[in-house]
Each structure stands twice: as C-alpha cells, then as structure tokens.
Protein backbone atom coordinates (compact mmCIF):
# COMPACT_ATOMS: atom_id res chain seq x y z
CA UNK A 1 60.92 -7.06 -0.92
CA UNK A 2 60.20 -10.64 0.11
CA UNK A 3 57.42 -12.70 -1.33
CA UNK A 4 55.81 -12.61 2.14
CA UNK A 5 55.89 -8.83 1.99
CA UNK A 6 54.00 -8.77 -1.31
CA UNK A 7 51.36 -11.10 0.09
CA UNK A 8 50.96 -8.91 3.17
CA UNK A 9 50.54 -5.76 1.07
CA UNK A 10 48.00 -7.46 -1.14
CA UNK A 11 45.94 -8.48 1.87
CA UNK A 12 46.12 -4.99 3.37
CA UNK A 13 45.02 -3.46 0.05
CA UNK A 14 41.93 -5.65 0.10
CA UNK A 15 41.15 -4.68 3.68
CA UNK A 16 41.57 -0.95 3.06
CA UNK A 17 39.89 -0.78 -0.34
CA UNK A 18 36.67 1.25 -0.18
CA UNK A 19 33.37 -0.44 -0.93
CA UNK A 20 32.31 -0.22 -4.55
CA UNK A 21 29.38 2.18 -4.71
CA UNK A 22 26.76 2.23 -7.43
CA UNK A 23 24.49 4.91 -8.82
CA UNK A 24 21.21 3.02 -9.19
CA UNK A 25 19.61 6.02 -10.94
CA UNK A 26 22.14 6.27 -13.80
CA UNK A 27 20.25 6.18 -17.11
CA UNK A 28 16.84 6.61 -15.48
CA UNK A 29 14.29 9.37 -16.09
CA UNK A 30 13.05 11.40 -13.10
CA UNK A 31 9.30 11.37 -12.55
CA UNK A 32 7.02 13.85 -10.81
CA UNK A 33 6.60 12.84 -7.17
CA UNK A 34 2.83 12.41 -7.01
CA UNK A 35 1.18 10.73 -4.04
CA UNK A 36 -1.88 10.35 -1.85
CA UNK A 37 -1.59 10.26 1.93
CA UNK A 38 -3.18 7.30 3.70
CA UNK A 39 -3.76 7.81 7.43
CA UNK A 40 -6.28 6.71 10.11
CA UNK A 41 -9.68 7.85 8.93
CA UNK A 42 -10.99 9.24 12.22
CA UNK A 43 -8.29 11.84 12.93
CA UNK A 44 -7.04 14.89 10.97
CA UNK A 45 -4.19 14.21 8.55
CA UNK A 46 -2.04 16.77 10.39
CA UNK A 47 -2.05 14.58 13.51
CA UNK A 48 -0.21 11.77 11.69
CA UNK A 49 1.64 13.51 8.84
CA UNK A 50 3.79 16.60 8.27
CA UNK A 51 6.00 18.00 5.52
CA UNK A 52 8.46 20.71 6.54
CA UNK A 53 11.52 21.87 4.60
CA UNK A 54 11.07 18.89 2.24
CA UNK A 55 11.27 16.41 5.13
CA UNK A 56 8.29 14.09 5.54
CA UNK A 57 7.38 12.92 9.03
CA UNK A 58 4.85 10.08 9.20
CA UNK A 59 3.68 8.42 12.39
CA UNK A 60 0.89 6.15 13.63
CA UNK A 61 -0.16 4.39 16.84
CA UNK A 62 -0.96 0.72 17.17
CA UNK A 63 -4.47 1.47 18.44
CA UNK A 64 -5.32 3.80 15.54
CA UNK A 65 -8.13 3.11 13.09
CA UNK A 66 -7.31 1.83 9.57
CA UNK A 67 -7.22 4.09 6.52
CA UNK A 68 -10.99 3.89 5.87
CA UNK A 69 -14.13 2.59 7.60
CA UNK A 70 -14.60 -1.13 7.08
CA UNK A 71 -10.93 -1.73 6.24
CA UNK A 72 -9.47 -4.60 8.26
CA UNK A 73 -5.75 -3.82 7.88
CA UNK A 74 -3.53 -2.51 10.68
CA UNK A 75 -2.95 1.21 11.27
CA UNK A 76 -0.81 3.07 8.79
CA UNK A 77 0.35 6.48 7.64
CA UNK A 78 1.81 6.13 4.16
CA UNK A 79 2.41 7.88 0.87
CA UNK A 80 0.74 6.00 -1.97
CA UNK A 81 2.30 6.51 -5.42
CA UNK A 82 0.60 5.98 -8.83
CA UNK A 83 0.14 2.54 -10.39
CA UNK A 84 2.51 1.25 -13.06
CA UNK A 85 1.95 -1.64 -15.46
CA UNK A 86 5.07 -1.74 -17.66
CA UNK A 87 8.74 -0.79 -17.78
CA UNK A 88 10.69 -0.24 -14.58
CA UNK A 89 10.05 1.99 -11.58
CA UNK A 90 12.42 3.15 -8.89
CA UNK A 91 11.91 4.62 -5.42
CA UNK A 92 14.76 6.65 -3.91
CA UNK A 93 14.93 8.42 -0.55
CA UNK A 94 16.86 9.00 2.64
CA UNK A 95 15.07 7.59 5.68
CA UNK A 96 15.55 7.81 9.42
CA UNK A 97 13.74 5.50 11.84
CA UNK A 98 13.73 6.62 15.50
CA UNK A 99 14.60 3.95 18.07
CA UNK A 100 11.45 2.48 19.54
CA UNK A 101 9.80 1.88 16.17
CA UNK A 102 9.49 -1.82 15.31
CA UNK A 103 7.10 -4.33 13.79
CA UNK A 104 6.61 -1.80 11.01
CA UNK A 105 6.70 -1.71 7.22
CA UNK A 106 8.43 1.43 5.89
CA UNK A 107 8.31 0.69 2.16
CA UNK A 108 6.28 -1.73 0.07
CA UNK A 109 5.36 -2.69 -3.47
CA UNK A 110 1.64 -3.38 -3.56
CA UNK A 111 -0.32 -5.18 -6.25
CA UNK A 112 -2.90 -3.09 -8.06
CA UNK A 113 -5.42 -5.90 -7.60
CA UNK A 114 -4.93 -5.48 -3.87
CA UNK A 115 -6.82 -8.49 -2.56
CA UNK A 116 -6.18 -10.96 -5.39
CA UNK A 117 -6.17 -14.58 -4.24
CA UNK A 118 -3.79 -15.35 -7.11
CA UNK A 119 -1.20 -12.63 -6.58
CA UNK A 120 -1.63 -11.58 -2.97
CA UNK A 121 -1.61 -8.01 -1.67
CA UNK A 122 2.13 -7.28 -1.92
CA UNK A 123 5.26 -8.51 -3.64
CA UNK A 124 7.82 -6.66 -1.49
CA UNK A 125 7.78 -5.22 2.04
CA UNK A 126 10.65 -3.69 4.01
CA UNK A 127 10.19 -4.22 7.75
CA UNK A 128 11.90 -2.50 10.67
CA UNK A 129 12.57 -4.82 13.61
CA UNK A 130 14.29 -4.12 16.97
CA UNK A 131 17.15 -6.61 16.73
CA UNK A 132 20.78 -5.45 16.46
CA UNK A 133 20.16 -1.75 16.99
CA UNK A 134 17.28 -1.66 14.53
CA UNK A 135 17.25 -3.94 11.49
CA UNK A 136 15.75 -3.91 8.02
CA UNK A 137 14.13 -7.14 6.83
CA UNK A 138 12.58 -8.42 3.62
CA UNK A 139 9.23 -9.20 5.24
CA UNK A 140 10.32 -11.14 8.36
CA UNK A 141 12.37 -13.57 6.30
CA UNK A 142 15.79 -12.04 5.67
CA UNK A 143 17.82 -9.37 7.44
CA UNK A 144 19.21 -6.79 5.01
CA UNK A 145 20.84 -4.31 7.42
CA UNK A 146 21.28 -3.58 11.12
CA UNK A 147 22.09 -0.61 13.38
CA UNK A 148 19.76 1.66 11.41
CA UNK A 149 18.04 3.39 14.33
CA UNK A 150 18.39 7.18 14.67
CA UNK A 151 20.52 7.71 11.58
CA UNK A 152 19.80 8.51 7.95
CA UNK A 153 20.26 5.76 5.39
CA UNK A 154 19.81 5.89 1.62
CA UNK A 155 17.35 3.49 0.03
CA UNK A 156 16.72 2.62 -3.62
CA UNK A 157 14.10 0.03 -4.58
CA UNK A 158 13.91 -0.91 -8.25
CA UNK A 159 11.07 -2.93 -9.77
CA UNK A 160 11.53 -4.09 -13.37
CA UNK A 161 8.31 -5.55 -14.75
CA UNK A 162 10.15 -6.87 -17.80
CA UNK A 163 12.30 -9.22 -15.74
CA UNK A 164 10.06 -9.37 -12.67
CA UNK A 165 13.04 -8.44 -10.53
CA UNK A 166 12.92 -6.27 -7.39
CA UNK A 167 16.35 -4.96 -6.38
CA UNK A 168 17.26 -3.10 -3.18
CA UNK A 169 20.24 -0.80 -2.71
CA UNK A 170 21.22 0.48 0.73
CA UNK A 171 23.64 3.42 0.83
CA UNK A 172 24.32 2.80 -2.89
CA UNK A 173 25.34 -0.82 -2.40
CA UNK A 174 23.26 -3.70 -3.70
CA UNK A 175 21.73 -5.44 -0.70
CA UNK A 176 19.02 -7.79 -1.99
CA UNK A 177 16.97 -8.96 -4.94
CA UNK A 178 13.86 -11.06 -5.38
CA UNK A 179 11.28 -11.81 -8.06
CA UNK A 180 7.73 -10.46 -8.09
CA UNK A 181 4.67 -12.67 -8.42
CA UNK A 182 3.88 -11.46 -11.99
CA UNK A 183 0.73 -9.54 -11.15
CA UNK A 184 1.40 -6.95 -13.87
CA UNK A 185 -0.09 -3.99 -11.96
CA UNK A 186 1.66 -2.43 -8.98
CA UNK A 187 2.18 0.68 -6.92
CA UNK A 188 4.74 1.70 -4.31
CA UNK A 189 4.10 3.03 -0.81
CA UNK A 190 6.31 4.43 1.94
CA UNK A 191 5.73 5.48 5.53
CA UNK A 192 4.75 3.40 8.57
CA UNK A 193 2.36 0.46 8.50
CA UNK A 194 1.93 -1.78 11.55
CA UNK A 195 2.85 -5.45 11.32
CA UNK A 196 3.18 -8.31 13.80
CA UNK A 197 4.70 -7.11 17.06
CA UNK A 198 4.24 -3.43 16.23
CA UNK A 199 5.28 -0.89 18.85
CA UNK A 200 2.86 1.58 20.41
CA UNK A 201 4.17 4.42 18.24
CA UNK A 202 5.72 3.93 14.80
CA UNK A 203 7.37 6.77 12.91
CA UNK A 204 9.75 7.53 10.08
CA UNK A 205 11.37 10.63 8.59
CA UNK A 206 11.90 10.78 4.81
CA UNK A 207 13.82 13.32 2.72
CA UNK A 208 15.27 13.58 -0.80
CA UNK A 209 12.32 11.54 -2.06
CA UNK A 210 12.47 10.84 -5.79
CA UNK A 211 10.71 8.55 -8.25
CA UNK A 212 12.30 7.32 -11.47
CA UNK A 213 11.23 5.34 -14.53
CA UNK A 214 12.96 3.43 -17.30
C-alpha cells in the first residue's frame, strides 16, 4: 500500500472513531434523593409539579407568583436538595425540555448564604435559550450544547469543594468546567426558574434523577 494510502486510512480512522465516553459516577457513593419542592405560593403544588412513573414534570408561567410572599425573585418550580459544606457532590439526571421553553434556568448551584454580598446567590446556572434548536448556556455567557429541544439528554454536574471546581458532563462527555466563588456552603436545585427573556410557559421533564457524594 502506498504512503498516501496509509495517510488516508489514518484520517478515516480518526473520523470514524467513536467519541470517548466517561462515567462521571465511577467511584462515587449514591445518596438518598431528598428534596423540597419550590413552586408559586398562591397555587396548589399539583398545578405546577407532578411525579408519575419516576418522571418529574415541573412547569411555571412567567406571570406566576414567587415561591413565598415577599420574595422578589422570578417564578420557579424547582426541586431543592440539601446543603453540603465539604467533599464533592454530584447531580445526575436525564432531562427533556419542550420547544417553546426559553429564558429559563433548569439546574443551579446555590450558595447557602443565599443573598450574600460577598459570594452572590449562585455559583453555577444552566440556562435554556431558543437559539440553534434550543441551547444550553452557562448563565448567558457560554453555549455548552445546541439542538436540545424535545429530546432527552443526560446531565452530570459535579461540584468539588476541595478544589472549588464545577464540572459539567453532557451525554457522558465533559462539556465545561468553572470555579466556584469559595462560599463554602451550597445546595443544588433543578426544575424551571425564569430568567431574562423567559417564555410564557417554562417546563422540563426529569427522569433517572440521582445524587452522589465523594
């Protein structure tokens, strides 16, 4: 075979090689999935939240009330997980965002001191925006994925307090990492939470939800 032939085969092998997939949960300990539901305070929980056959459905409208009287944040329906102050925590789930949902946070890492002037309210937020068939963004700063509407995708978010690193895996491939703001007390949330440019209705479906620690 000619030298050109070898080069061609090498190139084709690179093109056809499957993506290297990771198991972000390898070596981690499963935790009990414990949560509180946050939803608009003036309506029954069942009008914004359901759990059927282990599939969560969470939705909210942009003219809904906040989670409690006197709260000034935008409408949300979210699962709020317990605080953690050491070690590493991991969120894992399959999510599906229907087309028409945008300007919405579907997963966040919140500081325990939730209105601290020093640390701010959050250190990580995953936004859904309408561009490119539905896109996932780190806040509104960086696009992590596109064409996510109306299909399930697998999400892992790892927060290591020892290193201060937040790492995101999408469909078992590393997609993003950033550092926290060293608050030392955090909790994770998932669901729908209106942001700038939110649509009239925001909703998400979540299944295979797991929490891990290390």
